[in-house]
Amino acid sequence: MKPQIYLETSTISYLTARLSRDLIIAARQQITQEWWTKNAGIFELYVSELVWEEAKEGHIEAAQKRLNIISELSWLSANETAKNLAHSFIYQKLLPIKATNDAVHIAIATIHGMDYLMTWNCKHIANAVIQKSLRRLVEAEGYEMPVICTPEELLVGGHIYDK
């Protein structure tokens, strides 16, 4: 069985966006495209309706590129269990209210037992300090939190998973 990844919206956005003039963003775009080309096939890829909702926002042509990618992937539901866990993240002040969607992404990936949650959102999701607190709450609820990482952290040789 292939390892499973929940792709948060920022990953899809970096994959499909026009090359940025900002050097850091351009580097992240290139890394994401390299990961997609070389490593996406190693994993089972998942998104959610929330990813769809976020991806359809903005410039029409850019949104369509994002939605085209998303439409080819498997979907996970934001069921009541995931919504309750996300609510706990906010209620316990582990994430601010303005990061409610980020809490839902983490909860969806957790509840569905994903191995990884891939994101470029380093403010509220791929943030080591926040993850430590989230992990304690998730484990207290009887779940295992996925490894939260950027595409750069999952640039791997295929031989690792060819067992």
C-alpha atoms as a PDB file:
ATOM      1  CA  MET A   1       0.000   0.000   0.000  1.00  0.00           C
ATOM      2  CA  LYS A   2       1.287   3.438  -0.922  1.00  0.00           C
ATOM      3  CA  PRO A   3       1.720   6.103   1.763  1.00  0.00           C
ATOM      4  CA  GLN A   4      -1.200   8.536   1.802  1.00  0.00           C
ATOM      5  CA  ILE A   5      -0.960  12.325   1.544  1.00  0.00           C
ATOM      6  CA  TYR A   6      -3.614  14.947   2.138  1.00  0.00           C
ATOM      7  CA  LEU A   7      -2.759  17.890  -0.109  1.00  0.00           C
ATOM      8  CA  GLU A   8      -3.693  21.203   1.475  1.00  0.00           C
ATOM      9  CA  THR A   9      -4.695  23.955  -0.953  1.00  0.00           C
ATOM     10  CA  SER A  10      -1.368  25.810  -0.934  1.00  0.00           C
ATOM     11  CA  THR A  11       0.349  22.804  -2.497  1.00  0.00           C
ATOM     12  CA  ILE A  12      -2.084  22.792  -5.419  1.00  0.00           C
ATOM     13  CA  SER A  13      -1.735  26.562  -5.756  1.00  0.00           C
ATOM     14  CA  TYR A  14       2.061  26.438  -5.931  1.00  0.00           C
ATOM     15  CA  LEU A  15       1.850  23.589  -8.430  1.00  0.00           C
ATOM     16  CA  THR A  16      -0.369  25.421 -10.894  1.00  0.00           C
ATOM     17  CA  ALA A  17       0.489  29.121 -10.475  1.00  0.00           C
ATOM     18  CA  ARG A  18       2.375  31.262 -12.976  1.00  0.00           C
ATOM     19  CA  LEU A  19       6.017  31.617 -11.996  1.00  0.00           C
ATOM     20  CA  SER A  20       6.338  34.304  -9.349  1.00  0.00           C
ATOM     21  CA  ARG A  21       8.860  37.141  -9.382  1.00  0.00           C
ATOM     22  CA  ASP A  22       9.341  36.625  -5.639  1.00  0.00           C
ATOM     23  CA  LEU A  23      12.392  34.367  -5.370  1.00  0.00           C
ATOM     24  CA  ILE A  24      11.147  32.403  -2.370  1.00  0.00           C
ATOM     25  CA  ILE A  25       7.736  31.762  -3.891  1.00  0.00           C
ATOM     26  CA  ALA A  26       9.342  30.874  -7.243  1.00  0.00           C
ATOM     27  CA  ALA A  27      11.609  28.371  -5.481  1.00  0.00           C
ATOM     28  CA  ARG A  28       8.619  26.812  -3.719  1.00  0.00           C
ATOM     29  CA  GLN A  29       6.775  26.591  -7.023  1.00  0.00           C
ATOM     30  CA  GLN A  30       9.733  24.846  -8.640  1.00  0.00           C
ATOM     31  CA  ILE A  31      10.109  22.433  -5.713  1.00  0.00           C
ATOM     32  CA  THR A  32       6.381  21.636  -5.829  1.00  0.00           C
ATOM     33  CA  GLN A  33       6.498  20.994  -9.579  1.00  0.00           C
ATOM     34  CA  GLU A  34       9.582  18.797  -9.165  1.00  0.00           C
ATOM     35  CA  TRP A  35       7.862  16.855  -6.380  1.00  0.00           C
ATOM     36  CA  TRP A  36       4.748  16.405  -8.517  1.00  0.00           C
ATOM     37  CA  THR A  37       6.762  15.164 -11.493  1.00  0.00           C
ATOM     38  CA  LYS A  38       9.121  12.850  -9.615  1.00  0.00           C
ATOM     39  CA  ASN A  39       7.284  11.761  -6.475  1.00  0.00           C
ATOM     40  CA  ALA A  40       3.512  12.135  -6.735  1.00  0.00           C
ATOM     41  CA  GLY A  41       3.178   8.607  -8.130  1.00  0.00           C
ATOM     42  CA  ILE A  42       4.784   7.136  -5.035  1.00  0.00           C
ATOM     43  CA  PHE A  43       1.832   8.233  -2.898  1.00  0.00           C
ATOM     44  CA  GLU A  44      -1.947   8.039  -2.782  1.00  0.00           C
ATOM     45  CA  LEU A  45      -3.096  11.660  -3.022  1.00  0.00           C
ATOM     46  CA  TYR A  46      -6.186  13.074  -1.308  1.00  0.00           C
ATOM     47  CA  VAL A  47      -7.974  16.406  -1.034  1.00  0.00           C
ATOM     48  CA  SER A  48     -11.279  17.491   0.492  1.00  0.00           C
ATOM     49  CA  GLU A  49     -14.249  19.662  -0.351  1.00  0.00           C
ATOM     50  CA  LEU A  50     -12.542  22.426   1.616  1.00  0.00           C
ATOM     51  CA  VAL A  51      -9.570  22.261  -0.769  1.00  0.00           C
ATOM     52  CA  TRP A  52     -12.040  22.524  -3.661  1.00  0.00           C
ATOM     53  CA  GLU A  53     -13.780  25.525  -2.071  1.00  0.00           C
ATOM     54  CA  GLU A  54     -10.515  27.347  -1.458  1.00  0.00           C
ATOM     55  CA  ALA A  55      -9.073  26.457  -4.875  1.00  0.00           C
ATOM     56  CA  LYS A  56     -12.034  27.794  -6.821  1.00  0.00           C
ATOM     57  CA  GLU A  57     -11.452  31.315  -5.439  1.00  0.00           C
ATOM     58  CA  GLY A  58      -9.493  33.993  -7.276  1.00  0.00           C
ATOM     59  CA  HIS A  59      -8.634  34.449 -10.931  1.00  0.00           C
ATOM     60  CA  ILE A  60     -10.875  32.267 -13.110  1.00  0.00           C
ATOM     61  CA  GLU A  61      -8.123  30.694 -15.263  1.00  0.00           C
ATOM     62  CA  ALA A  62      -5.866  30.042 -12.272  1.00  0.00           C
ATOM     63  CA  ALA A  63      -8.771  28.532 -10.338  1.00  0.00           C
ATOM     64  CA  GLN A  64      -9.596  26.257 -13.260  1.00  0.00           C
ATOM     65  CA  LYS A  65      -6.021  24.928 -13.328  1.00  0.00           C
ATOM     66  CA  ARG A  66      -6.256  24.136  -9.616  1.00  0.00           C
ATOM     67  CA  LEU A  67      -9.658  22.489  -9.995  1.00  0.00           C
ATOM     68  CA  ASN A  68      -8.426  20.365 -12.914  1.00  0.00           C
ATOM     69  CA  ILE A  69      -5.718  18.885 -10.685  1.00  0.00           C
ATOM     70  CA  ILE A  70      -8.083  18.399  -7.750  1.00  0.00           C
ATOM     71  CA  SER A  71     -10.740  16.691  -9.849  1.00  0.00           C
ATOM     72  CA  GLU A  72      -8.302  13.837 -10.572  1.00  0.00           C
ATOM     73  CA  LEU A  73      -7.642  13.089  -6.890  1.00  0.00           C
ATOM     74  CA  SER A  74      -9.452  11.106  -4.221  1.00  0.00           C
ATOM     75  CA  TRP A  75     -11.555  13.047  -1.729  1.00  0.00           C
ATOM     76  CA  LEU A  76     -11.881  12.863   2.042  1.00  0.00           C
ATOM     77  CA  SER A  77     -14.924  14.145   3.896  1.00  0.00           C
ATOM     78  CA  ALA A  78     -15.026  16.810   6.550  1.00  0.00           C
ATOM     79  CA  ASN A  79     -17.277  14.620   8.677  1.00  0.00           C
ATOM     80  CA  GLU A  80     -18.608  15.556  12.112  1.00  0.00           C
ATOM     81  CA  THR A  81     -15.637  13.942  13.836  1.00  0.00           C
ATOM     82  CA  ALA A  82     -13.215  16.085  11.819  1.00  0.00           C
ATOM     83  CA  LYS A  83     -15.289  19.213  12.449  1.00  0.00           C
ATOM     84  CA  ASN A  84     -15.345  18.504  16.187  1.00  0.00           C
ATOM     85  CA  LEU A  85     -11.585  17.993  16.279  1.00  0.00           C
ATOM     86  CA  ALA A  86     -11.036  21.243  14.348  1.00  0.00           C
ATOM     87  CA  HIS A  87     -13.340  22.995  16.808  1.00  0.00           C
ATOM     88  CA  SER A  88     -11.217  21.640  19.673  1.00  0.00           C
ATOM     89  CA  PHE A  89      -8.075  23.102  18.072  1.00  0.00           C
ATOM     90  CA  ILE A  90      -9.729  26.530  18.033  1.00  0.00           C
ATOM     91  CA  TYR A  91     -11.495  26.200  21.409  1.00  0.00           C
ATOM     92  CA  GLN A  92      -8.235  25.175  23.108  1.00  0.00           C
ATOM     93  CA  LYS A  93      -6.584  28.221  21.444  1.00  0.00           C
ATOM     94  CA  LEU A  94      -4.045  26.043  19.658  1.00  0.00           C
ATOM     95  CA  LEU A  95      -4.960  27.895  16.459  1.00  0.00           C
ATOM     96  CA  PRO A  96      -6.571  31.333  16.117  1.00  0.00           C
ATOM     97  CA  ILE A  97     -10.149  31.677  14.886  1.00  0.00           C
ATOM     98  CA  LYS A  98      -8.875  33.154  11.614  1.00  0.00           C
ATOM     99  CA  ALA A  99      -7.143  29.793  10.998  1.00  0.00           C
ATOM    100  CA  THR A 100     -10.367  27.756  11.200  1.00  0.00           C
ATOM    101  CA  ASN A 101      -9.891  26.347   7.680  1.00  0.00           C
ATOM    102  CA  ASP A 102      -6.341  25.365   8.592  1.00  0.00           C
ATOM    103  CA  ALA A 103      -7.702  23.550  11.656  1.00  0.00           C
ATOM    104  CA  VAL A 104     -10.181  21.703   9.433  1.00  0.00           C
ATOM    105  CA  HIS A 105      -7.421  20.619   7.024  1.00  0.00           C
ATOM    106  CA  ILE A 106      -5.380  19.203   9.907  1.00  0.00           C
ATOM    107  CA  ALA A 107      -8.436  17.502  11.400  1.00  0.00           C
ATOM    108  CA  ILE A 108      -9.487  15.916   8.103  1.00  0.00           C
ATOM    109  CA  ALA A 109      -6.009  14.493   7.519  1.00  0.00           C
ATOM    110  CA  THR A 110      -5.872  13.236  11.114  1.00  0.00           C
ATOM    111  CA  ILE A 111      -9.316  11.643  11.285  1.00  0.00           C
ATOM    112  CA  HIS A 112      -8.801   9.846   7.978  1.00  0.00           C
ATOM    113  CA  GLY A 113      -5.433   8.439   9.064  1.00  0.00           C
ATOM    114  CA  MET A 114      -3.282  10.133   6.448  1.00  0.00           C
ATOM    115  CA  ASP A 115       0.448   9.470   6.674  1.00  0.00           C
ATOM    116  CA  TYR A 116       1.266  13.028   5.583  1.00  0.00           C
ATOM    117  CA  LEU A 117      -0.338  16.434   5.264  1.00  0.00           C
ATOM    118  CA  MET A 118       1.503  18.430   2.592  1.00  0.00           C
ATOM    119  CA  THR A 119       1.348  22.222   2.733  1.00  0.00           C
ATOM    120  CA  TRP A 120       3.251  25.431   2.167  1.00  0.00           C
ATOM    121  CA  ASN A 121       1.268  27.095   4.963  1.00  0.00           C
ATOM    122  CA  CYS A 122       4.045  27.436   7.519  1.00  0.00           C
ATOM    123  CA  LYS A 123       2.226  29.989   9.662  1.00  0.00           C
ATOM    124  CA  HIS A 124      -0.524  27.743  11.035  1.00  0.00           C
ATOM    125  CA  ILE A 125      -0.030  24.242   9.632  1.00  0.00           C
ATOM    126  CA  ALA A 126       3.632  23.348   8.988  1.00  0.00           C
ATOM    127  CA  ASN A 127       4.683  25.127  12.173  1.00  0.00           C
ATOM    128  CA  ALA A 128       6.671  23.048  14.651  1.00  0.00           C
ATOM    129  CA  VAL A 129       5.514  24.968  17.728  1.00  0.00           C
ATOM    130  CA  ILE A 130       1.845  24.659  16.825  1.00  0.00           C
ATOM    131  CA  GLN A 131       2.236  21.018  15.784  1.00  0.00           C
ATOM    132  CA  LYS A 132       3.594  20.058  19.180  1.00  0.00           C
ATOM    133  CA  SER A 133       0.453  21.346  20.925  1.00  0.00           C
ATOM    134  CA  LEU A 134      -1.853  19.889  18.288  1.00  0.00           C
ATOM    135  CA  ARG A 135      -0.184  16.497  18.554  1.00  0.00           C
ATOM    136  CA  ARG A 136      -0.842  16.340  22.310  1.00  0.00           C
ATOM    137  CA  LEU A 137      -4.545  17.063  21.822  1.00  0.00           C
ATOM    138  CA  VAL A 138      -4.841  14.657  18.875  1.00  0.00           C
ATOM    139  CA  GLU A 139      -3.209  11.836  20.844  1.00  0.00           C
ATOM    140  CA  ALA A 140      -5.421  12.564  23.865  1.00  0.00           C
ATOM    141  CA  GLU A 141      -8.403  12.072  21.516  1.00  0.00           C
ATOM    142  CA  GLY A 142      -6.998   8.687  20.433  1.00  0.00           C
ATOM    143  CA  TYR A 143      -5.679   9.658  16.999  1.00  0.00           C
ATOM    144  CA  GLU A 144      -2.258   9.885  15.417  1.00  0.00           C
ATOM    145  CA  MET A 145      -1.452  13.155  13.695  1.00  0.00           C
ATOM    146  CA  PRO A 146       0.005  12.873  10.202  1.00  0.00           C
ATOM    147  CA  VAL A 147       3.488  14.124   9.486  1.00  0.00           C
ATOM    148  CA  ILE A 148       2.969  17.710   8.391  1.00  0.00           C
ATOM    149  CA  CYS A 149       5.508  18.789   5.818  1.00  0.00           C
ATOM    150  CA  THR A 150       6.260  20.779   2.690  1.00  0.00           C
ATOM    151  CA  PRO A 151       6.840  19.200  -0.728  1.00  0.00           C
ATOM    152  CA  GLU A 152      10.552  19.866  -0.224  1.00  0.00           C
ATOM    153  CA  GLU A 153      10.564  17.566   2.784  1.00  0.00           C
ATOM    154  CA  LEU A 154       9.009  14.770   0.715  1.00  0.00           C
ATOM    155  CA  LEU A 155      11.380  14.869  -2.253  1.00  0.00           C
ATOM    156  CA  VAL A 156      12.426  11.240  -2.053  1.00  0.00           C
ATOM    157  CA  GLY A 157      13.778   8.547  -4.286  1.00  0.00           C
ATOM    158  CA  GLY A 158      11.106   6.071  -5.369  1.00  0.00           C
ATOM    159  CA  HIS A 159      13.190   3.146  -4.129  1.00  0.00           C
ATOM    160  CA  ILE A 160      12.238   4.038  -0.537  1.00  0.00           C
ATOM    161  CA  TYR A 161       8.666   2.907  -1.123  1.00  0.00           C
ATOM    162  CA  ASP A 162       9.268   0.138  -3.665  1.00  0.00           C
ATOM    163  CA  LYS A 163       9.197  -2.587  -1.018  1.00  0.00           C
END
